[in-house]
Amino acid sequence: MQLSVAKKGLLMAAVPLVLGLIYLAVLSVMLENAEATATRESRSRAIIAEANHAQRDLFDAGSAIVAWNYMRSDVLEERLDKCLAAIPERASRLKELMKDDPSRAGQLKELGLQATKVVGVLQWHKKRIKETPQDVYHFEFGKFRRQIEGAFKTYVDELHTLTYEEQKIQEHVPQNEEARKQEIRLYIFGGVLLNLALSLGLATFFSRDIAARLQILSENAGRFVERKSLLPPVAGSDEVAEVDAAFRKMAEEVNEAEETKQAFVAMVSHDLRSPLSAIQGAIELVESGLYGEISDKGKVRLESAQRECDRLLSLINELLDIEKIEAGMMEMNLQTTDLAEVAMHSAETLKAVADLKGIKFEIFGGHIEAFVDRERMIQVFINLFSNAIKYSPRGGTVTVTLAHEKKYASVKIEDHGRGIPRDALETVFDRFKQAHGGGAGTSGLGLAICKAIVEAHHGKIGVVSEVGSGSLFWMQLPIH
């Protein structure tokens, strides 16, 4: 998919969000429908109650007019008036409850007419009762009783019809309500499940795609370190593909630099070392007198030339050594080696140089063994001893302490020279770095070679130093 990582992340967030908004909108409609149904149910109960009250008012009015006709009391007349007022009021309430249902407009109109008719009939008889003597109207009331009953019956029939219709609605309410609840439950469960499945699906799809391509980057990094050919380029045009392209460009540039360096090392090895060896051989022949006697001044100049040849050859050899070690091309003859013997041999090698400054070596700890290449370890000790001699004061002492520490053989070489500045401690083992500013005959590669050789043995090397308090170089070398 030709999308950037940022757009993929936005899509992963937007799709569930949009789906959630749609889900909420539909759920809102369902809840509104449920609320409308609940409102209709409540209104239906109110209509039934009002219809029942209307029938009760009607029968109360009928019983009140009969009783008033026979007893003619003010209390009964007041009761009749209240009933007559209640009948149209009840009809108005029913009309108010049903006003939002256009399909029942005709029914409401008929109900209102019948209520008005009933009240009119009762009002007419009330007037006749008041105008006619009591004993005379008893007979006439009996004749008009059928008229009152007919008006009542029509009104009551309308009320019964209304009540029946509302009761039918009420009968379906429990079923409809349970169905609505089940529908909402299923919708909520289905919506949550769909949203979750979609979110997980998108996350899995995009993360799998990104993870697979990041795995290619990771493998390429390992291949680059191991100097193997890289995997095919990452597909796409997003940030991962851009990182892959940048990594490949960097790898090409590093490989080009490596080829340049190897060409330089080859040039140093063949084009410089061989002529220097020839020059050194020629100087030795001249010094031997093969070409005649040499003056004292000539001998001094020859000795100076010999020292410079030795220095350049040493520099070339050090460059070649460190390149071989870092390229993994230097063979190691690992064997159990007595570090005390290595230390004494190295000190003896440098005895003439140490004697010039009156430097003494003190070696403590006995015969401690380590699993190392003896010749390479002698090279490390000579480098460290040379530095200690160089920066120690005249008549100083270089202390070597050997010991066992867990799975390592410990070596500590301490001098009492001027020490190393704190800001130089982190770079003291880097190439061409000289903590004390170097000097004549120094290449700045000695400590870098020491570090490379020790780490090639899977060991560790470090330094502890303060200006004015000397330096302590330490090593941890494997025993097995």
Protein backbone atom coordinates (compact mmCIF):
# COMPACT_ATOMS: atom_id res chain seq x y z
CA MET A 1 0.00 0.00 0.00
CA GLN A 2 1.48 3.30 -1.12
CA LEU A 3 0.81 5.20 2.10
CA SER A 4 3.21 6.83 4.52
CA VAL A 5 3.50 5.50 8.07
CA ALA A 6 1.81 8.66 9.34
CA LYS A 7 -1.13 8.19 6.94
CA LYS A 8 -1.42 4.55 7.91
CA GLY A 9 -1.58 5.56 11.56
CA LEU A 10 -4.20 8.19 10.73
CA LEU A 11 -6.23 5.61 8.81
CA MET A 12 -6.01 3.18 11.73
CA ALA A 13 -7.44 5.87 14.00
CA ALA A 14 -9.96 7.38 11.52
CA VAL A 15 -11.74 4.23 10.30
CA PRO A 16 -12.79 3.01 13.78
CA LEU A 17 -13.70 6.60 14.67
CA VAL A 18 -15.97 7.04 11.62
CA LEU A 19 -17.50 3.62 12.22
CA GLY A 20 -18.06 4.59 15.84
CA LEU A 21 -19.80 7.82 14.81
CA ILE A 22 -22.10 5.92 12.42
CA TYR A 23 -22.76 3.38 15.14
CA LEU A 24 -23.66 6.14 17.61
CA ALA A 25 -25.94 7.82 15.05
CA VAL A 26 -27.87 4.60 14.41
CA LEU A 27 -28.01 3.87 18.11
CA SER A 28 -29.36 7.38 18.70
CA VAL A 29 -32.15 6.76 16.16
CA MET A 30 -32.98 3.44 17.83
CA LEU A 31 -33.12 5.09 21.23
CA GLU A 32 -35.34 7.87 19.85
CA ASN A 33 -37.68 5.23 18.43
CA ALA A 34 -37.68 3.44 21.75
CA GLU A 35 -38.44 6.71 23.51
CA ALA A 36 -41.27 7.45 21.07
CA THR A 37 -42.71 3.99 21.67
CA ALA A 38 -42.46 4.48 25.43
CA THR A 39 -44.19 7.85 25.07
CA ARG A 40 -46.96 6.24 22.98
CA GLU A 41 -47.34 3.54 25.62
CA SER A 42 -47.60 6.13 28.38
CA ARG A 43 -50.15 8.10 26.34
CA SER A 44 -52.13 4.93 25.71
CA ARG A 45 -52.36 4.28 29.45
CA ALA A 46 -53.46 7.88 30.00
CA ILE A 47 -56.18 7.59 27.29
CA ILE A 48 -57.55 4.40 28.86
CA ALA A 49 -57.59 6.07 32.27
CA GLU A 50 -59.38 9.15 30.92
CA ALA A 51 -61.89 7.00 29.03
CA ASN A 52 -62.66 5.08 32.22
CA HIS A 53 -63.05 8.33 34.11
CA ALA A 54 -65.36 9.65 31.34
CA GLN A 55 -67.62 6.60 31.76
CA ARG A 56 -67.63 7.06 35.50
CA ASP A 57 -68.53 10.76 35.08
CA LEU A 58 -71.36 9.74 32.74
CA PHE A 59 -72.82 7.24 35.15
CA ASP A 60 -72.38 9.68 38.04
CA ALA A 61 -74.35 12.26 36.05
CA GLY A 62 -77.13 9.74 35.29
CA SER A 63 -77.45 8.67 38.91
CA ALA A 64 -77.31 12.30 40.06
CA ILE A 65 -80.20 13.43 37.81
CA VAL A 66 -82.37 10.49 38.84
CA ALA A 67 -81.73 11.13 42.52
CA TRP A 68 -82.29 14.89 42.16
CA ASN A 69 -85.55 14.26 40.28
CA TYR A 70 -86.94 12.32 43.22
CA MET A 71 -85.43 14.27 46.11
CA ARG A 72 -85.01 17.81 44.70
CA SER A 73 -82.21 18.72 47.18
CA ASP A 74 -79.59 21.43 46.61
CA VAL A 75 -76.75 19.00 47.36
CA LEU A 76 -77.87 16.62 44.61
CA GLU A 77 -78.33 19.52 42.19
CA GLU A 78 -74.75 20.67 42.91
CA ARG A 79 -73.50 17.17 42.34
CA LEU A 80 -75.36 17.03 39.01
CA ASP A 81 -73.82 20.33 37.90
CA LYS A 82 -70.31 19.03 38.69
CA CYS A 83 -70.94 15.89 36.67
CA LEU A 84 -72.29 17.92 33.75
CA ALA A 85 -69.12 20.09 33.81
CA ALA A 86 -66.84 17.03 34.04
CA ILE A 87 -68.18 15.33 30.89
CA PRO A 88 -66.97 17.95 28.30
CA GLU A 89 -63.80 18.54 30.31
CA ARG A 90 -62.98 14.83 30.10
CA ALA A 91 -63.68 14.86 26.36
CA SER A 92 -61.25 17.80 25.98
CA ARG A 93 -58.54 15.86 27.81
CA LEU A 94 -59.00 12.90 25.50
CA LYS A 95 -58.78 15.21 22.51
CA GLU A 96 -55.54 16.72 23.86
CA LEU A 97 -54.00 13.27 24.37
CA MET A 98 -54.88 12.14 20.84
CA LYS A 99 -54.21 15.37 18.92
CA ASP A 100 -50.89 14.04 17.41
CA ASP A 101 -52.68 11.06 15.77
CA PRO A 102 -54.27 12.32 12.50
CA SER A 103 -55.81 8.88 11.79
CA ARG A 104 -58.14 9.32 14.77
CA ALA A 105 -59.41 12.80 14.00
CA GLY A 106 -62.82 11.48 12.95
CA GLN A 107 -63.10 9.40 16.12
CA LEU A 108 -62.24 12.41 18.26
CA LYS A 109 -64.84 14.54 16.46
CA GLU A 110 -67.54 11.91 17.03
CA LEU A 111 -66.51 11.56 20.67
CA GLY A 112 -66.84 15.32 21.17
CA LEU A 113 -70.26 15.39 19.50
CA GLN A 114 -71.55 12.57 21.65
CA ALA A 115 -70.26 14.24 24.82
CA THR A 116 -72.00 17.47 23.80
CA LYS A 117 -75.19 15.52 23.00
CA VAL A 118 -75.19 13.78 26.38
CA VAL A 119 -74.69 17.06 28.23
CA GLY A 120 -77.46 18.66 26.13
CA VAL A 121 -79.91 15.88 26.95
CA LEU A 122 -79.11 16.07 30.64
CA GLN A 123 -79.37 19.85 30.65
CA TRP A 124 -82.76 19.68 28.92
CA HIS A 125 -84.11 17.20 31.51
CA LYS A 126 -82.70 19.25 34.35
CA LYS A 127 -84.60 22.26 33.05
CA ARG A 128 -87.80 20.23 32.68
CA ILE A 129 -87.45 18.89 36.22
CA LYS A 130 -87.08 22.39 37.65
CA GLU A 131 -90.13 23.68 35.69
CA THR A 132 -92.45 20.72 36.40
CA PRO A 133 -93.96 19.80 39.74
CA GLN A 134 -92.34 16.80 41.33
CA ASP A 135 -95.30 14.44 41.19
CA VAL A 136 -96.10 15.38 37.57
CA TYR A 137 -92.52 14.85 36.17
CA HIS A 138 -92.13 11.43 37.70
CA PHE A 139 -94.40 10.11 34.98
CA GLU A 140 -92.76 12.17 32.18
CA PHE A 141 -89.23 11.21 33.34
CA GLY A 142 -90.08 7.60 32.79
CA LYS A 143 -91.10 8.40 29.20
CA PHE A 144 -87.84 10.21 28.48
CA ARG A 145 -85.62 7.66 30.21
CA ARG A 146 -85.09 5.81 26.93
CA GLN A 147 -83.84 9.02 25.32
CA ILE A 148 -81.25 9.48 28.08
CA GLU A 149 -80.19 5.85 27.85
CA GLY A 150 -79.82 6.08 24.06
CA ALA A 151 -77.56 9.14 24.32
CA PHE A 152 -75.54 7.45 27.06
CA LYS A 153 -75.21 4.24 25.06
CA THR A 154 -73.80 5.97 21.98
CA TYR A 155 -71.24 7.89 24.04
CA VAL A 156 -70.29 4.81 26.08
CA ASP A 157 -69.89 2.79 22.86
CA GLU A 158 -67.44 5.39 21.54
CA LEU A 159 -65.52 5.25 24.82
CA HIS A 160 -65.48 1.43 24.73
CA THR A 161 -64.16 1.48 21.15
CA LEU A 162 -61.41 3.88 22.16
CA THR A 163 -60.52 1.82 25.23
CA TYR A 164 -60.46 -1.40 23.20
CA GLU A 165 -58.09 0.08 20.62
CA GLU A 166 -55.73 1.35 23.30
CA GLN A 167 -55.84 -1.98 25.13
CA LYS A 168 -54.80 -3.74 21.91
CA ILE A 169 -51.81 -1.40 21.77
CA GLN A 170 -51.01 -2.19 25.41
CA GLU A 171 -51.15 -5.91 24.71
CA HIS A 172 -48.34 -5.63 22.16
CA VAL A 173 -46.22 -3.27 24.24
CA PRO A 174 -44.47 -5.97 26.39
CA GLN A 175 -43.58 -7.97 23.27
CA ASN A 176 -42.45 -4.90 21.36
CA GLU A 177 -40.50 -3.60 24.33
CA GLU A 178 -38.66 -6.91 24.79
CA ALA A 179 -37.96 -7.04 21.05
CA ARG A 180 -36.59 -3.48 21.19
CA LYS A 181 -34.36 -4.31 24.12
CA GLN A 182 -33.06 -7.41 22.35
CA GLU A 183 -32.47 -5.43 19.16
CA ILE A 184 -30.54 -2.72 21.00
CA ARG A 185 -28.48 -5.34 22.88
CA LEU A 186 -27.62 -7.13 19.65
CA TYR A 187 -26.78 -3.86 17.93
CA ILE A 188 -24.50 -2.73 20.77
CA PHE A 189 -22.76 -6.12 20.91
CA GLY A 190 -22.45 -6.33 17.12
CA GLY A 191 -21.19 -2.74 16.84
CA VAL A 192 -18.54 -3.23 19.51
CA LEU A 193 -17.47 -6.54 17.98
CA LEU A 194 -17.29 -5.07 14.46
CA ASN A 195 -15.35 -2.02 15.65
CA LEU A 196 -12.93 -4.21 17.59
CA ALA A 197 -12.47 -6.60 14.66
CA LEU A 198 -11.91 -3.74 12.22
CA SER A 199 -9.43 -2.00 14.55
CA LEU A 200 -7.50 -5.22 15.17
CA GLY A 201 -7.60 -6.07 11.46
CA LEU A 202 -6.20 -2.70 10.40
CA ALA A 203 -3.59 -2.74 13.19
CA THR A 204 -2.53 -6.29 12.27
CA PHE A 205 -2.38 -5.53 8.55
CA PHE A 206 -0.37 -2.33 8.84
CA SER A 207 1.85 -3.50 11.71
CA ARG A 208 2.64 -6.74 9.91
CA ASP A 209 3.58 -4.79 6.79
CA ILE A 210 5.72 -2.31 8.72
CA ALA A 211 7.26 -5.02 10.93
CA ALA A 212 8.20 -7.14 7.90
CA ARG A 213 9.98 -4.23 6.25
CA LEU A 214 11.65 -3.17 9.49
CA GLN A 215 12.89 -6.76 9.78
CA ILE A 216 14.56 -6.31 6.40
CA LEU A 217 16.27 -3.17 7.72
CA SER A 218 17.42 -5.09 10.80
CA GLU A 219 18.77 -7.98 8.72
CA ASN A 220 20.50 -5.55 6.39
CA ALA A 221 22.19 -3.91 9.38
CA GLY A 222 23.54 -7.32 10.45
CA ARG A 223 24.59 -8.14 6.91
CA PHE A 224 26.36 -4.79 6.63
CA VAL A 225 28.35 -5.50 9.81
CA GLU A 226 29.21 -8.98 8.52
CA ARG A 227 30.16 -7.50 5.10
CA LYS A 228 27.51 -9.54 3.27
CA SER A 229 25.39 -8.39 0.33
CA LEU A 230 22.20 -6.57 1.35
CA LEU A 231 18.66 -7.89 0.82
CA PRO A 232 16.52 -6.41 -2.00
CA PRO A 233 15.23 -2.86 -1.40
CA VAL A 234 12.14 -2.34 0.76
CA ALA A 235 9.00 -1.84 -1.34
CA GLY A 236 6.85 1.28 -0.98
CA SER A 237 7.39 5.00 -0.71
CA ASP A 238 6.81 5.63 3.01
CA GLU A 239 9.24 6.54 5.77
CA VAL A 240 10.49 2.94 6.11
CA ALA A 241 11.39 2.85 2.42
CA GLU A 242 13.14 6.22 2.79
CA VAL A 243 15.18 4.90 5.74
CA ASP A 244 16.08 1.82 3.71
CA ALA A 245 17.20 3.98 0.78
CA ALA A 246 19.26 6.18 3.11
CA PHE A 247 20.81 3.10 4.73
CA ARG A 248 21.73 1.64 1.34
CA LYS A 249 23.31 4.92 0.29
CA MET A 250 25.26 5.03 3.55
CA ALA A 251 26.35 1.40 3.05
CA GLU A 252 27.55 2.17 -0.47
CA GLU A 253 29.52 5.17 0.77
CA VAL A 254 31.04 3.14 3.62
CA ASN A 255 31.96 0.36 1.22
CA GLU A 256 33.58 2.90 -1.08
CA ALA A 257 35.48 4.36 1.88
CA GLU A 258 36.50 0.84 2.92
CA GLU A 259 37.77 0.11 -0.56
CA THR A 260 39.71 3.37 -0.50
CA LYS A 261 41.17 2.49 2.88
CA GLN A 262 42.13 -0.99 1.71
CA ALA A 263 43.79 0.53 -1.34
CA PHE A 264 45.67 2.88 0.97
CA VAL A 265 46.74 0.02 3.25
CA ALA A 266 47.88 -1.95 0.23
CA MET A 267 49.81 1.07 -0.98
CA VAL A 268 51.41 1.51 2.43
CA SER A 269 52.23 -2.18 2.63
CA HIS A 270 53.78 -2.54 -0.79
CA ASP A 271 54.70 0.91 -2.05
CA LEU A 272 56.15 2.29 1.20
CA ARG A 273 57.31 -0.61 3.31
CA SER A 274 59.34 -2.28 0.56
CA PRO A 275 61.29 0.88 -0.41
CA LEU A 276 61.85 1.70 3.28
CA SER A 277 63.23 -1.79 3.85
CA ALA A 278 65.57 -1.29 0.87
CA ILE A 279 66.70 2.10 2.22
CA GLN A 280 67.22 0.57 5.66
CA GLY A 281 69.33 -2.22 4.12
CA ALA A 282 71.42 0.30 2.19
CA ILE A 283 72.06 2.34 5.35
CA GLU A 284 73.22 -0.79 7.13
CA LEU A 285 75.64 -1.58 4.29
CA VAL A 286 77.06 1.95 4.38
CA GLU A 287 77.42 1.75 8.17
CA SER A 288 79.28 -1.56 7.82
CA GLY A 289 82.00 0.22 5.78
CA LEU A 290 81.29 -1.72 2.60
CA TYR A 291 81.59 1.49 0.59
CA GLY A 292 84.58 2.89 2.45
CA GLU A 293 85.29 4.72 5.63
CA ILE A 294 82.63 7.15 7.00
CA SER A 295 83.37 10.24 9.02
CA ASP A 296 81.99 10.68 12.52
CA LYS A 297 79.53 13.29 11.28
CA GLY A 298 78.39 10.87 8.55
CA LYS A 299 77.85 8.14 11.14
CA VAL A 300 75.63 10.49 13.18
CA ARG A 301 73.58 11.27 10.07
CA LEU A 302 73.28 7.57 9.22
CA GLU A 303 72.10 6.75 12.75
CA SER A 304 69.46 9.50 12.48
CA ALA A 305 68.32 8.14 9.11
CA GLN A 306 68.17 4.63 10.57
CA ARG A 307 65.95 5.85 13.45
CA GLU A 308 63.55 7.58 11.06
CA CYS A 309 63.35 4.44 8.92
CA ASP A 310 62.62 2.38 12.04
CA ARG A 311 59.95 4.89 13.10
CA LEU A 312 58.23 4.85 9.70
CA LEU A 313 58.36 1.06 9.51
CA SER A 314 56.90 0.85 13.03
CA LEU A 315 54.09 3.24 12.02
CA ILE A 316 53.37 1.21 8.88
CA ASN A 317 53.35 -2.05 10.86
CA GLU A 318 50.99 -0.55 13.43
CA LEU A 319 48.58 0.63 10.71
CA LEU A 320 48.60 -2.82 9.14
CA ASP A 321 48.12 -4.51 12.50
CA ILE A 322 45.08 -2.47 13.52
CA GLU A 323 43.47 -2.87 10.10
CA LYS A 324 43.95 -6.64 10.24
CA ILE A 325 42.53 -6.87 13.75
CA GLU A 326 39.43 -4.77 13.01
CA ALA A 327 38.85 -6.65 9.74
CA GLY A 328 39.08 -9.96 11.63
CA MET A 329 41.98 -11.04 9.46
CA MET A 330 44.63 -11.36 12.16
CA GLU A 331 45.15 -14.95 13.24
CA MET A 332 45.25 -15.62 16.98
CA ASN A 333 47.26 -18.51 18.39
CA LEU A 334 45.31 -18.87 21.65
CA GLN A 335 46.87 -20.94 24.40
CA THR A 336 47.23 -20.92 28.15
CA THR A 337 49.89 -18.28 28.83
CA ASP A 338 51.74 -17.22 31.98
CA LEU A 339 51.11 -13.45 32.21
CA ALA A 340 53.95 -13.00 34.71
CA GLU A 341 56.38 -14.41 32.13
CA VAL A 342 54.89 -12.10 29.45
CA ALA A 343 55.29 -9.09 31.76
CA MET A 344 58.92 -9.96 32.60
CA HIS A 345 59.77 -10.61 28.94
CA SER A 346 58.26 -7.26 27.91
CA ALA A 347 60.09 -5.43 30.71
CA GLU A 348 63.37 -7.06 29.67
CA THR A 349 62.76 -5.98 26.06
CA LEU A 350 62.46 -2.36 27.20
CA LYS A 351 65.22 -2.56 29.82
CA ALA A 352 67.67 -0.42 27.84
CA VAL A 353 65.07 2.34 27.38
CA ALA A 354 64.00 2.14 31.02
CA ASP A 355 67.59 2.30 32.24
CA LEU A 356 68.12 5.57 30.41
CA LYS A 357 65.54 7.18 32.77
CA GLY A 358 66.27 4.99 35.76
CA ILE A 359 62.82 3.40 35.61
CA LYS A 360 62.31 0.16 37.54
CA PHE A 361 59.59 -2.49 37.02
CA GLU A 362 57.94 -4.24 39.99
CA ILE A 363 55.76 -7.26 39.18
CA PHE A 364 53.40 -8.69 41.84
CA GLY A 365 50.92 -11.54 41.90
CA GLY A 366 52.80 -14.64 40.87
CA HIS A 367 52.15 -16.81 37.86
CA ILE A 368 48.66 -15.88 36.66
CA GLU A 369 47.53 -17.69 33.52
CA ALA A 370 45.17 -16.52 30.75
CA PHE A 371 43.97 -18.01 27.47
CA VAL A 372 45.59 -15.60 25.00
CA ASP A 373 47.96 -15.24 22.05
CA ARG A 374 51.36 -14.84 23.74
CA GLU A 375 52.98 -12.77 20.99
CA ARG A 376 50.05 -10.37 20.70
CA MET A 377 49.90 -10.01 24.47
CA ILE A 378 53.63 -9.16 24.53
CA GLN A 379 52.81 -6.45 21.96
CA VAL A 380 50.14 -5.05 24.33
CA PHE A 381 52.44 -5.11 27.37
CA ILE A 382 55.28 -3.44 25.44
CA ASN A 383 52.94 -0.67 24.27
CA LEU A 384 51.64 -0.04 27.80
CA PHE A 385 55.16 -0.30 29.33
CA SER A 386 56.53 2.12 26.71
CA ASN A 387 53.89 4.71 27.63
CA ALA A 388 54.58 4.21 31.34
CA ILE A 389 58.33 4.72 30.78
CA LYS A 390 57.76 7.71 28.54
CA TYR A 391 55.54 9.64 30.96
CA SER A 392 57.13 8.56 34.28
CA PRO A 393 59.60 10.86 36.02
CA ARG A 394 63.26 9.88 36.17
CA GLY A 395 63.95 7.25 38.80
CA GLY A 396 60.25 6.31 38.90
CA THR A 397 58.67 2.88 39.32
CA VAL A 398 56.18 1.05 37.12
CA THR A 399 54.08 -1.41 39.14
CA VAL A 400 52.48 -4.46 37.52
CA THR A 401 49.86 -6.36 39.56
CA LEU A 402 48.48 -9.72 38.37
CA ALA A 403 45.49 -11.48 39.97
CA HIS A 404 42.48 -13.75 39.37
CA GLU A 405 39.06 -12.08 39.40
CA LYS A 406 36.15 -14.50 38.90
CA LYS A 407 36.42 -15.69 35.28
CA TYR A 408 39.13 -13.24 34.30
CA ALA A 409 42.81 -12.69 34.81
CA SER A 410 43.34 -9.14 36.00
CA VAL A 411 46.32 -7.00 34.95
CA LYS A 412 47.03 -3.54 36.40
CA ILE A 413 49.91 -1.37 35.20
CA GLU A 414 50.45 1.75 37.31
CA ASP A 415 52.90 4.60 36.83
CA HIS A 416 53.48 7.82 38.76
CA GLY A 417 53.69 10.17 35.80
CA ARG A 418 51.77 13.36 35.11
CA GLY A 419 48.40 11.61 34.54
CA ILE A 420 45.75 12.07 31.87
CA PRO A 421 43.26 14.98 31.78
CA ARG A 422 39.68 13.93 32.57
CA ASP A 423 38.33 15.15 29.23
CA ALA A 424 40.82 12.91 27.39
CA LEU A 425 39.96 9.65 29.21
CA GLU A 426 37.05 8.76 26.90
CA THR A 427 39.14 9.08 23.71
CA VAL A 428 42.50 7.83 24.93
CA PHE A 429 42.01 4.47 23.11
CA ASP A 430 40.89 6.06 19.82
CA ARG A 431 43.09 6.11 16.74
CA PHE A 432 45.61 8.93 16.53
CA LYS A 433 44.58 10.24 19.97
CA GLN A 434 47.39 11.08 22.40
CA ALA A 435 46.42 12.01 25.92
CA HIS A 436 49.68 13.89 26.60
CA GLY A 437 50.05 15.53 23.21
CA GLY A 438 52.35 12.84 21.85
CA GLY A 439 55.84 13.73 20.79
CA ALA A 440 58.57 12.63 18.48
CA GLY A 441 58.36 9.01 17.39
CA THR A 442 54.71 8.54 18.39
CA SER A 443 51.89 7.55 16.03
CA GLY A 444 48.87 7.71 18.32
CA LEU A 445 48.02 4.11 17.41
CA GLY A 446 49.60 2.23 20.31
CA LEU A 447 46.63 2.31 22.72
CA ALA A 448 44.16 1.74 19.84
CA ILE A 449 46.12 -1.43 18.95
CA CYS A 450 46.10 -2.52 22.60
CA LYS A 451 42.32 -2.10 22.78
CA ALA A 452 41.77 -3.96 19.49
CA ILE A 453 43.97 -6.90 20.57
CA VAL A 454 42.38 -7.17 24.04
CA GLU A 455 38.84 -7.03 22.63
CA ALA A 456 39.79 -9.62 19.99
CA HIS A 457 40.49 -11.89 23.00
CA HIS A 458 36.98 -11.04 24.34
CA GLY A 459 38.63 -9.09 27.14
CA LYS A 460 38.34 -5.55 28.45
CA ILE A 461 40.78 -2.67 28.87
CA GLY A 462 40.46 0.72 30.57
CA VAL A 463 42.29 3.45 32.41
CA VAL A 464 41.93 5.35 35.68
CA SER A 465 43.91 8.58 35.92
CA GLU A 466 44.06 12.06 37.38
CA VAL A 467 46.39 14.85 36.40
CA GLY A 468 49.41 14.84 38.74
CA SER A 469 48.60 11.40 40.23
CA GLY A 470 49.81 9.03 37.51
CA SER A 471 47.80 6.52 35.49
CA LEU A 472 46.55 2.97 36.06
CA PHE A 473 45.79 0.90 32.97
CA TRP A 474 43.82 -2.27 33.67
CA MET A 475 42.92 -5.36 31.64
CA GLN A 476 40.59 -8.30 32.12
CA LEU A 477 41.62 -11.32 30.07
CA PRO A 478 39.76 -14.65 29.75
CA ILE A 479 41.13 -17.58 31.71
CA HIS A 480 39.59 -20.23 29.45
